[in-house]
PDB file of N, CA and C in Angstrom:
ATOM      1  N   MET A   1     121.614  -4.611 136.587  1.00  0.00           N
ATOM      2  CA  MET A   1     121.578  -5.456 135.984  1.00  0.00           C
ATOM      3  C   MET A   1     120.188  -6.118 135.491  1.00  0.00           C
ATOM      4  N   TRP A   2     119.957  -6.856 134.701  1.00  0.00           N
ATOM      5  CA  TRP A   2     118.914  -6.883 133.738  1.00  0.00           C
ATOM      6  C   TRP A   2     117.925  -7.926 134.584  1.00  0.00           C
ATOM      7  N   HIS A   3     116.605  -7.378 134.736  1.00  0.00           N
ATOM      8  CA  HIS A   3     116.007  -8.073 135.452  1.00  0.00           C
ATOM      9  C   HIS A   3     114.386  -8.322 134.516  1.00  0.00           C
ATOM     10  N   PRO A   4     114.413  -9.128 133.542  1.00  0.00           N
ATOM     11  CA  PRO A   4     113.590  -9.274 132.545  1.00  0.00           C
ATOM     12  C   PRO A   4     112.240  -9.464 133.203  1.00  0.00           C
ATOM     13  N   TRP A   5     111.502 -10.152 134.220  1.00  0.00           N
ATOM     14  CA  TRP A   5     110.388 -10.245 134.450  1.00  0.00           C
ATOM     15  C   TRP A   5     109.936  -9.431 136.057  1.00  0.00           C
ATOM     16  N   GLN A   6     110.664  -8.384 136.273  1.00  0.00           N
ATOM     17  CA  GLN A   6     110.090  -7.244 137.053  1.00  0.00           C
ATOM     18  C   GLN A   6     109.388  -6.183 136.454  1.00  0.00           C
ATOM     19  N   PRO A   7     107.650  -6.439 136.684  1.00  0.00           N
ATOM     20  CA  PRO A   7     106.829  -5.641 136.207  1.00  0.00           C
ATOM     21  C   PRO A   7     107.468  -4.086 135.532  1.00  0.00           C
ATOM     22  N   GLY A   8     107.422  -4.299 134.415  1.00  0.00           N
ATOM     23  CA  GLY A   8     107.656  -2.579 133.823  1.00  0.00           C
ATOM     24  C   GLY A   8     109.331  -1.960 133.794  1.00  0.00           C
ATOM     25  N   LYS A   9     110.172  -2.828 133.909  1.00  0.00           N
ATOM     26  CA  LYS A   9     111.473  -2.315 134.185  1.00  0.00           C
ATOM     27  C   LYS A   9     112.629  -3.589 133.932  1.00  0.00           C
ATOM     28  N   GLY A  10     113.575  -3.377 133.264  1.00  0.00           N
ATOM     29  CA  GLY A  10     114.371  -4.429 132.687  1.00  0.00           C
ATOM     30  C   GLY A  10     115.708  -3.864 133.477  1.00  0.00           C
ATOM     31  N   TYR A  11     116.156  -3.050 132.853  1.00  0.00           N
ATOM     32  CA  TYR A  11     117.333  -2.827 133.588  1.00  0.00           C
ATOM     33  C   TYR A  11     117.125  -1.965 135.127  1.00  0.00           C
ATOM     34  N   ARG A  12     118.259  -2.044 135.949  1.00  0.00           N
ATOM     35  CA  ARG A  12     118.064  -1.491 137.328  1.00  0.00           C
ATOM     36  C   ARG A  12     119.807  -1.332 137.275  1.00  0.00           C
ATOM     37  N   ASN A  13     119.926   0.274 137.397  1.00  0.00           N
ATOM     38  CA  ASN A  13     120.912   0.825 137.974  1.00  0.00           C
ATOM     39  C   ASN A  13     121.069   1.998 138.815  1.00  0.00           C
ATOM     40  N   ARG A  14     121.377   3.010 138.521  1.00  0.00           N
ATOM     41  CA  ARG A  14     121.202   4.409 139.204  1.00  0.00           C
ATOM     42  C   ARG A  14     119.442   4.882 138.999  1.00  0.00           C
ATOM     43  N   ALA A  15     119.638   4.671 137.438  1.00  0.00           N
ATOM     44  CA  ALA A  15     118.474   5.029 136.620  1.00  0.00           C
ATOM     45  C   ALA A  15     118.208   3.608 136.217  1.00  0.00           C
ATOM     46  N   GLU A  16     116.589   4.250 136.214  1.00  0.00           N
ATOM     47  CA  GLU A  16     115.736   2.735 135.506  1.00  0.00           C
ATOM     48  C   GLU A  16     115.585   3.252 134.172  1.00  0.00           C
ATOM     49  N   TYR A  17     115.881   1.996 133.174  1.00  0.00           N
ATOM     50  CA  TYR A  17     115.133   2.194 132.044  1.00  0.00           C
ATOM     51  C   TYR A  17     114.471   1.029 131.289  1.00  0.00           C
ATOM     52  N   PRO A  18     113.483   1.134 130.441  1.00  0.00           N
ATOM     53  CA  PRO A  18     112.457   0.269 130.168  1.00  0.00           C
ATOM     54  C   PRO A  18     113.289  -0.842 129.901  1.00  0.00           C
ATOM     55  N   ALA A  19     112.765  -2.018 129.646  1.00  0.00           N
ATOM     56  CA  ALA A  19     113.124  -3.108 129.046  1.00  0.00           C
ATOM     57  C   ALA A  19     112.867  -3.405 127.772  1.00  0.00           C
ATOM     58  N   ALA A  20     114.136  -3.691 126.858  1.00  0.00           N
ATOM     59  CA  ALA A  20     114.138  -4.095 125.712  1.00  0.00           C
ATOM     60  C   ALA A  20     113.871  -5.561 125.486  1.00  0.00           C
ATOM     61  N   TRP A  21     112.652  -5.953 126.479  1.00  0.00           N
ATOM     62  CA  TRP A  21     112.211  -7.500 126.248  1.00  0.00           C
ATOM     63  C   TRP A  21     112.553  -8.035 125.042  1.00  0.00           C
ATOM     64  N   TRP A  22     111.861  -7.424 124.018  1.00  0.00           N
ATOM     65  CA  TRP A  22     112.143  -8.600 122.782  1.00  0.00           C
ATOM     66  C   TRP A  22     112.707  -8.296 121.890  1.00  0.00           C
ATOM     67  N   THR A  23     113.934  -8.704 121.492  1.00  0.00           N
ATOM     68  CA  THR A  23     114.771  -8.037 119.996  1.00  0.00           C
ATOM     69  C   THR A  23     114.104  -8.944 119.040  1.00  0.00           C
ATOM     70  N   PRO A  24     113.362  -8.147 118.026  1.00  0.00           N
ATOM     71  CA  PRO A  24     112.945  -8.904 117.036  1.00  0.00           C
ATOM     72  C   PRO A  24     114.019  -9.092 115.790  1.00  0.00           C
ATOM     73  N   VAL A  25     113.552 -10.454 115.073  1.00  0.00           N
ATOM     74  CA  VAL A  25     114.522 -10.861 114.046  1.00  0.00           C
ATOM     75  C   VAL A  25     113.767  -9.675 113.104  1.00  0.00           C
ATOM     76  N   GLN A  26     115.100  -9.714 112.230  1.00  0.00           N
ATOM     77  CA  GLN A  26     114.934  -8.576 110.946  1.00  0.00           C
ATOM     78  C   GLN A  26     115.104  -9.692 109.784  1.00  0.00           C
ATOM     79  N   LYS A  27     114.482  -8.944 108.303  1.00  0.00           N
ATOM     80  CA  LYS A  27     115.059  -9.583 107.043  1.00  0.00           C
ATOM     81  C   LYS A  27     115.993  -8.744 106.485  1.00  0.00           C
ATOM     82  N   ILE A  28     116.981  -9.383 106.257  1.00  0.00           N
ATOM     83  CA  ILE A  28     118.136  -8.412 105.409  1.00  0.00           C
ATOM     84  C   ILE A  28     118.507  -9.764 104.587  1.00  0.00           C
ATOM     85  N   ASN A  29     118.148  -9.026 102.988  1.00  0.00           N
ATOM     86  CA  ASN A  29     118.509  -9.758 101.965  1.00  0.00           C
ATOM     87  C   ASN A  29     117.544 -11.130 102.028  1.00  0.00           C
ATOM     88  N   GLY A  30     116.212 -10.870 102.204  1.00  0.00           N
ATOM     89  CA  GLY A  30     115.325 -12.304 102.445  1.00  0.00           C
ATOM     90  C   GLY A  30     115.763 -13.409 103.733  1.00  0.00           C
ATOM     91  N   LYS A  31     117.069 -12.996 104.184  1.00  0.00           N
ATOM     92  CA  LYS A  31     117.296 -13.929 105.648  1.00  0.00           C
ATOM     93  C   LYS A  31     116.748 -13.315 106.883  1.00  0.00           C
ATOM     94  N   ARG A  32     116.594 -14.427 107.590  1.00  0.00           N
ATOM     95  CA  ARG A  32     115.931 -14.052 109.085  1.00  0.00           C
ATOM     96  C   ARG A  32     117.086 -13.965 110.020  1.00  0.00           C
ATOM     97  N   VAL A  33     117.402 -12.319 110.392  1.00  0.00           N
ATOM     98  CA  VAL A  33     118.757 -12.384 111.472  1.00  0.00           C
ATOM     99  C   VAL A  33     118.079 -11.876 112.666  1.00  0.00           C
ATOM    100  N   TRP A  34     118.866 -12.090 113.419  1.00  0.00           N
ATOM    101  CA  TRP A  34     118.629 -11.848 114.635  1.00  0.00           C
ATOM    102  C   TRP A  34     119.835 -11.752 115.597  1.00  0.00           C
ATOM    103  N   ALA A  35     119.808 -10.670 116.097  1.00  0.00           N
ATOM    104  CA  ALA A  35     121.150  -9.758 116.995  1.00  0.00           C
ATOM    105  C   ALA A  35     121.091 -10.056 118.353  1.00  0.00           C
ATOM    106  N   SER A  36     122.338 -10.347 119.100  1.00  0.00           N
ATOM    107  CA  SER A  36     122.456 -10.685 120.407  1.00  0.00           C
ATOM    108  C   SER A  36     123.665  -9.877 120.927  1.00  0.00           C
ATOM    109  N   ILE A  37     123.263  -9.328 121.624  1.00  0.00           N
ATOM    110  CA  ILE A  37     124.387  -8.033 122.246  1.00  0.00           C
ATOM    111  C   ILE A  37     124.930  -8.428 123.655  1.00  0.00           C
ATOM    112  N   CYS A  38     126.930  -8.133 123.550  1.00  0.00           N
ATOM    113  CA  CYS A  38     127.341  -8.494 124.857  1.00  0.00           C
ATOM    114  C   CYS A  38     126.844  -9.201 125.698  1.00  0.00           C
ATOM    115  N   TYR A  39     126.470  -8.829 126.478  1.00  0.00           N
ATOM    116  CA  TYR A  39     125.974  -9.527 128.278  1.00  0.00           C
ATOM    117  C   TYR A  39     125.098 -10.405 127.992  1.00  0.00           C
ATOM    118  N   ASP A  40     124.157  -9.895 126.972  1.00  0.00           N
ATOM    119  CA  ASP A  40     122.793 -10.710 127.287  1.00  0.00           C
ATOM    120  C   ASP A  40     122.944 -11.998 126.702  1.00  0.00           C
ATOM    121  N   GLN A  41     124.482 -12.292 126.013  1.00  0.00           N
ATOM    122  CA  GLN A  41     124.620 -14.022 125.408  1.00  0.00           C
ATOM    123  C   GLN A  41     124.724 -14.646 126.511  1.00  0.00           C
ATOM    124  N   LEU A  42     124.739 -14.398 127.647  1.00  0.00           N
ATOM    125  CA  LEU A  42     125.117 -15.318 128.870  1.00  0.00           C
ATOM    126  C   LEU A  42     123.488 -15.465 129.635  1.00  0.00           C
ATOM    127  N   LEU A  43     122.236 -14.628 129.079  1.00  0.00           N
ATOM    128  CA  LEU A  43     121.348 -15.117 130.114  1.00  0.00           C
ATOM    129  C   LEU A  43     120.606 -16.095 129.163  1.00  0.00           C
ATOM    130  N   PRO A  44     120.118 -16.978 129.543  1.00  0.00           N
ATOM    131  CA  PRO A  44     119.195 -18.054 128.787  1.00  0.00           C
ATOM    132  C   PRO A  44     117.860 -17.486 128.032  1.00  0.00           C
ATOM    133  N   ALA A  45     117.146 -16.397 128.833  1.00  0.00           N
ATOM    134  CA  ALA A  45     116.082 -15.710 128.685  1.00  0.00           C
ATOM    135  C   ALA A  45     116.087 -15.445 127.347  1.00  0.00           C
ATOM    136  N   VAL A  46     117.354 -14.798 127.010  1.00  0.00           N
ATOM    137  CA  VAL A  46     117.323 -13.712 125.972  1.00  0.00           C
ATOM    138  C   VAL A  46     117.816 -15.036 124.772  1.00  0.00           C
ATOM    139  N   TRP A  47     118.205 -15.941 125.129  1.00  0.00           N
ATOM    140  CA  TRP A  47     118.504 -17.151 123.830  1.00  0.00           C
ATOM    141  C   TRP A  47     116.910 -17.794 123.380  1.00  0.00           C
ATOM    142  N   LEU A  48     116.281 -18.014 124.401  1.00  0.00           N
ATOM    143  CA  LEU A  48     115.113 -18.526 124.121  1.00  0.00           C
ATOM    144  C   LEU A  48     114.226 -17.716 123.070  1.00  0.00           C
ATOM    145  N   GLU A  49     114.145 -16.150 123.421  1.00  0.00           N
ATOM    146  CA  GLU A  49     113.531 -15.456 122.665  1.00  0.00           C
ATOM    147  C   GLU A  49     114.089 -15.605 121.145  1.00  0.00           C
ATOM    148  N   GLY A  50     115.345 -15.411 121.037  1.00  0.00           N
ATOM    149  CA  GLY A  50     115.901 -16.210 119.926  1.00  0.00           C
ATOM    150  C   GLY A  50     115.159 -17.499 119.328  1.00  0.00           C
ATOM    151  N   VAL A  51     115.573 -18.338 119.970  1.00  0.00           N
ATOM    152  CA  VAL A  51     115.127 -19.741 119.566  1.00  0.00           C
ATOM    153  C   VAL A  51     113.689 -19.689 119.049  1.00  0.00           C
ATOM    154  N   ILE A  52     112.680 -19.074 119.928  1.00  0.00           N
ATOM    155  CA  ILE A  52     111.452 -18.947 119.498  1.00  0.00           C
ATOM    156  C   ILE A  52     111.091 -18.129 117.907  1.00  0.00           C
ATOM    157  N   GLN A  53     111.776 -17.619 117.687  1.00  0.00           N
ATOM    158  CA  GLN A  53     111.797 -16.511 116.313  1.00  0.00           C
ATOM    159  C   GLN A  53     112.446 -17.011 115.094  1.00  0.00           C
ATOM    160  N   LYS A  54     112.882 -18.241 115.085  1.00  0.00           N
ATOM    161  CA  LYS A  54     113.490 -19.147 114.346  1.00  0.00           C
ATOM    162  C   LYS A  54     114.669 -18.249 113.438  1.00  0.00           C
ATOM    163  N   PRO A  55     115.644 -17.705 113.675  1.00  0.00           N
ATOM    164  CA  PRO A  55     116.668 -17.109 112.429  1.00  0.00           C
ATOM    165  C   PRO A  55     117.316 -17.850 111.896  1.00  0.00           C
ATOM    166  N   ARG A  56     117.483 -17.524 110.844  1.00  0.00           N
ATOM    167  CA  ARG A  56     118.525 -18.177 110.033  1.00  0.00           C
ATOM    168  C   ARG A  56     120.011 -17.736 110.135  1.00  0.00           C
ATOM    169  N   VAL A  57     120.351 -16.604 110.640  1.00  0.00           N
ATOM    170  CA  VAL A  57     121.564 -15.867 110.879  1.00  0.00           C
ATOM    171  C   VAL A  57     121.471 -15.100 112.387  1.00  0.00           C
ATOM    172  N   VAL A  58     122.691 -15.692 113.145  1.00  0.00           N
ATOM    173  CA  VAL A  58     122.609 -14.863 114.424  1.00  0.00           C
ATOM    174  C   VAL A  58     124.059 -14.053 114.593  1.00  0.00           C
ATOM    175  N   LEU A  59     123.649 -12.656 114.304  1.00  0.00           N
ATOM    176  CA  LEU A  59     124.598 -11.625 114.630  1.00  0.00           C
ATOM    177  C   LEU A  59     124.976 -11.284 115.980  1.00  0.00           C
ATOM    178  N   LEU A  60     126.252 -11.789 116.629  1.00  0.00           N
ATOM    179  CA  LEU A  60     126.856 -11.585 117.885  1.00  0.00           C
ATOM    180  C   LEU A  60     127.819 -10.383 117.897  1.00  0.00           C
ATOM    181  N   THR A  61     127.593  -9.554 119.091  1.00  0.00           N
ATOM    182  CA  THR A  61     128.535  -8.533 119.209  1.00  0.00           C
ATOM    183  C   THR A  61     128.804  -8.411 120.500  1.00  0.00           C
ATOM    184  N   ASN A  62     130.258  -8.211 120.540  1.00  0.00           N
ATOM    185  CA  ASN A  62     130.473  -8.261 121.896  1.00  0.00           C
ATOM    186  C   ASN A  62     131.602  -7.118 122.179  1.00  0.00           C
ATOM    187  N   ASN A  63     131.536  -6.548 123.155  1.00  0.00           N
ATOM    188  CA  ASN A  63     132.694  -5.305 123.866  1.00  0.00           C
ATOM    189  C   ASN A  63     133.366  -6.170 124.838  1.00  0.00           C
ATOM    190  N   GLU A  64     134.106  -6.811 124.450  1.00  0.00           N
ATOM    191  CA  GLU A  64     135.420  -7.781 125.529  1.00  0.00           C
ATOM    192  C   GLU A  64     135.945  -7.230 126.217  1.00  0.00           C
ATOM    193  N   TRP A  65     136.730  -5.710 126.057  1.00  0.00           N
ATOM    194  CA  TRP A  65     137.484  -5.031 126.708  1.00  0.00           C
ATOM    195  C   TRP A  65     137.229  -4.955 128.390  1.00  0.00           C
ATOM    196  N   TRP A  66     135.708  -4.926 128.488  1.00  0.00           N
ATOM    197  CA  TRP A  66     135.824  -4.868 130.415  1.00  0.00           C
ATOM    198  C   TRP A  66     136.082  -6.296 130.508  1.00  0.00           C
ATOM    199  N   ALA A  67     136.069  -7.348 130.031  1.00  0.00           N
ATOM    200  CA  ALA A  67     136.139  -8.470 130.702  1.00  0.00           C
ATOM    201  C   ALA A  67     137.680  -9.425 130.113  1.00  0.00           C
ATOM    202  N   GLN A  68     138.447  -8.548 129.749  1.00  0.00           N
ATOM    203  CA  GLN A  68     139.978  -8.969 129.449  1.00  0.00           C
ATOM    204  C   GLN A  68     140.615  -9.073 130.588  1.00  0.00           C
ATOM    205  N   GLY A  69     141.444 -10.783 130.300  1.00  0.00           N
ATOM    206  CA  GLY A  69     141.918 -11.475 131.310  1.00  0.00           C
ATOM    207  C   GLY A  69     141.144 -12.612 132.058  1.00  0.00           C
ATOM    208  N   THR A  70     139.890 -12.556 131.795  1.00  0.00           N
ATOM    209  CA  THR A  70     139.161 -13.397 133.015  1.00  0.00           C
ATOM    210  C   THR A  70     138.679 -14.507 131.735  1.00  0.00           C
ATOM    211  N   ARG A  71     137.835 -15.304 132.192  1.00  0.00           N
ATOM    212  CA  ARG A  71     137.657 -16.408 131.091  1.00  0.00           C
ATOM    213  C   ARG A  71     135.942 -15.922 130.621  1.00  0.00           C
ATOM    214  N   ILE A  72     135.566 -14.487 130.921  1.00  0.00           N
ATOM    215  CA  ILE A  72     134.111 -14.513 130.656  1.00  0.00           C
ATOM    216  C   ILE A  72     134.164 -14.601 128.783  1.00  0.00           C
ATOM    217  N   PRO A  73     135.279 -13.993 128.013  1.00  0.00           N
ATOM    218  CA  PRO A  73     135.125 -14.046 126.870  1.00  0.00           C
ATOM    219  C   PRO A  73     135.008 -15.301 126.568  1.00  0.00           C
ATOM    220  N   THR A  74     135.868 -16.622 126.729  1.00  0.00           N
ATOM    221  CA  THR A  74     135.426 -17.776 126.266  1.00  0.00           C
ATOM    222  C   THR A  74     134.153 -18.502 126.293  1.00  0.00           C
ATOM    223  N   ILE A  75     133.791 -17.910 128.022  1.00  0.00           N
ATOM    224  CA  ILE A  75     132.471 -18.771 127.940  1.00  0.00           C
ATOM    225  C   ILE A  75     131.103 -18.149 127.732  1.00  0.00           C
ATOM    226  N   GLN A  76     131.206 -17.095 127.147  1.00  0.00           N
ATOM    227  CA  GLN A  76     130.099 -16.067 126.268  1.00  0.00           C
ATOM    228  C   GLN A  76     130.368 -16.792 125.106  1.00  0.00           C
ATOM    229  N   ARG A  77     131.496 -17.201 124.363  1.00  0.00           N
ATOM    230  CA  ARG A  77     131.836 -17.388 122.920  1.00  0.00           C
ATOM    231  C   ARG A  77     131.390 -18.964 123.189  1.00  0.00           C
ATOM    232  N   ASN A  78     131.602 -19.901 123.725  1.00  0.00           N
ATOM    233  CA  ASN A  78     130.848 -21.531 124.231  1.00  0.00           C
ATOM    234  C   ASN A  78     129.613 -21.464 124.222  1.00  0.00           C
ATOM    235  N   SER A  79     128.826 -20.490 124.973  1.00  0.00           N
ATOM    236  CA  SER A  79     127.789 -20.503 125.297  1.00  0.00           C
ATOM    237  C   SER A  79     126.796 -19.806 123.837  1.00  0.00           C
ATOM    238  N   SER A  80     127.581 -18.870 123.433  1.00  0.00           N
ATOM    239  CA  SER A  80     126.532 -18.652 122.145  1.00  0.00           C
ATOM    240  C   SER A  80     126.619 -19.514 121.127  1.00  0.00           C
ATOM    241  N   TRP A  81     127.787 -20.291 120.736  1.00  0.00           N
ATOM    242  CA  TRP A  81     128.122 -21.450 120.049  1.00  0.00           C
ATOM    243  C   TRP A  81     127.109 -22.241 119.702  1.00  0.00           C
ATOM    244  N   ALA A  82     126.838 -22.779 121.497  1.00  0.00           N
ATOM    245  CA  ALA A  82     126.175 -23.610 121.641  1.00  0.00           C
ATOM    246  C   ALA A  82     124.483 -23.498 121.209  1.00  0.00           C
ATOM    247  N   TRP A  83     124.356 -22.248 121.679  1.00  0.00           N
ATOM    248  CA  TRP A  83     122.462 -21.761 121.333  1.00  0.00           C
ATOM    249  C   TRP A  83     122.775 -21.546 120.033  1.00  0.00           C
ATOM    250  N   VAL A  84     123.250 -21.249 118.798  1.00  0.00           N
ATOM    251  CA  VAL A  84     123.372 -21.069 117.733  1.00  0.00           C
ATOM    252  C   VAL A  84     123.288 -22.085 116.922  1.00  0.00           C
ATOM    253  N   ARG A  85     123.959 -23.486 117.422  1.00  0.00           N
ATOM    254  CA  ARG A  85     123.956 -24.566 116.720  1.00  0.00           C
ATOM    255  C   ARG A  85     122.601 -25.352 117.047  1.00  0.00           C
ATOM    256  N   LEU A  86     121.976 -25.116 118.367  1.00  0.00           N
ATOM    257  CA  LEU A  86     120.502 -25.552 118.557  1.00  0.00           C
ATOM    258  C   LEU A  86     119.441 -25.035 117.760  1.00  0.00           C
ATOM    259  N   MET A  87     119.902 -23.687 117.269  1.00  0.00           N
ATOM    260  CA  MET A  87     118.818 -23.074 116.307  1.00  0.00           C
ATOM    261  C   MET A  87     118.792 -23.351 114.792  1.00  0.00           C
ATOM    262  N   GLY A  88     120.242 -24.041 114.646  1.00  0.00           N
ATOM    263  CA  GLY A  88     120.614 -24.286 112.897  1.00  0.00           C
ATOM    264  C   GLY A  88     121.051 -23.233 112.379  1.00  0.00           C
ATOM    265  N   ALA A  89     121.221 -22.140 112.823  1.00  0.00           N
ATOM    266  CA  ALA A  89     121.572 -20.746 112.469  1.00  0.00           C
ATOM    267  C   ALA A  89     123.002 -20.625 112.437  1.00  0.00           C
ATOM    268  N   VAL A  90     123.184 -20.219 111.033  1.00  0.00           N
ATOM    269  CA  VAL A  90     124.732 -19.616 110.831  1.00  0.00           C
ATOM    270  C   VAL A  90     124.962 -18.272 111.935  1.00  0.00           C
ATOM    271  N   MET A  91     126.485 -18.257 112.507  1.00  0.00           N
ATOM    272  CA  MET A  91     126.646 -17.261 113.470  1.00  0.00           C
ATOM    273  C   MET A  91     127.719 -16.487 112.844  1.00  0.00           C
ATOM    274  N   VAL A  92     127.452 -15.208 113.110  1.00  0.00           N
ATOM    275  CA  VAL A  92     128.442 -13.872 112.866  1.00  0.00           C
ATOM    276  C   VAL A  92     128.650 -13.528 113.904  1.00  0.00           C
ATOM    277  N   ASP A  93     130.187 -13.639 114.094  1.00  0.00           N
ATOM    278  CA  ASP A  93     130.706 -12.741 115.494  1.00  0.00           C
ATOM    279  C   ASP A  93     131.773 -11.377 115.203  1.00  0.00           C
ATOM    280  N   ALA A  94     131.251 -10.404 115.930  1.00  0.00           N
ATOM    281  CA  ALA A  94     132.058  -9.237 115.836  1.00  0.00           C
ATOM    282  C   ALA A  94     132.215  -9.086 117.430  1.00  0.00           C
ATOM    283  N   LYS A  95     133.481  -8.104 117.641  1.00  0.00           N
ATOM    284  CA  LYS A  95     133.878  -8.213 118.969  1.00  0.00           C
ATOM    285  C   LYS A  95     135.152  -6.853 118.921  1.00  0.00           C
ATOM    286  N   ASN A  96     134.868  -6.197 119.656  1.00  0.00           N
ATOM    287  CA  ASN A  96     135.782  -5.080 120.151  1.00  0.00           C
ATOM    288  C   ASN A  96     136.281  -5.397 121.370  1.00  0.00           C
ATOM    289  N   GLY A  97     137.585  -5.445 120.988  1.00  0.00           N
ATOM    290  CA  GLY A  97     138.555  -6.122 122.199  1.00  0.00           C
ATOM    291  C   GLY A  97     140.024  -5.176 122.275  1.00  0.00           C
TER     292      GLY A  97
END
């Protein structure tokens, strides 16, 4: 699981990986684009880093196969929609179901 405030580490499982704590906004055709990937869309800390950067477009990528038959994809989509609306950005949603 992701532990953003644990010193030096973000993801913990059998192996430890350094945290990719800050996903920077990228400029694409002059527009500020920020990406949020799958599970991170459920974490408020990740969305706050997006809000701070003021993107104009938010790219959402999801692997929904792991949550088929659950309400997780709907919760994730609704949460993402609310955050993107709060940002005043445009949402582009891509999913692998």
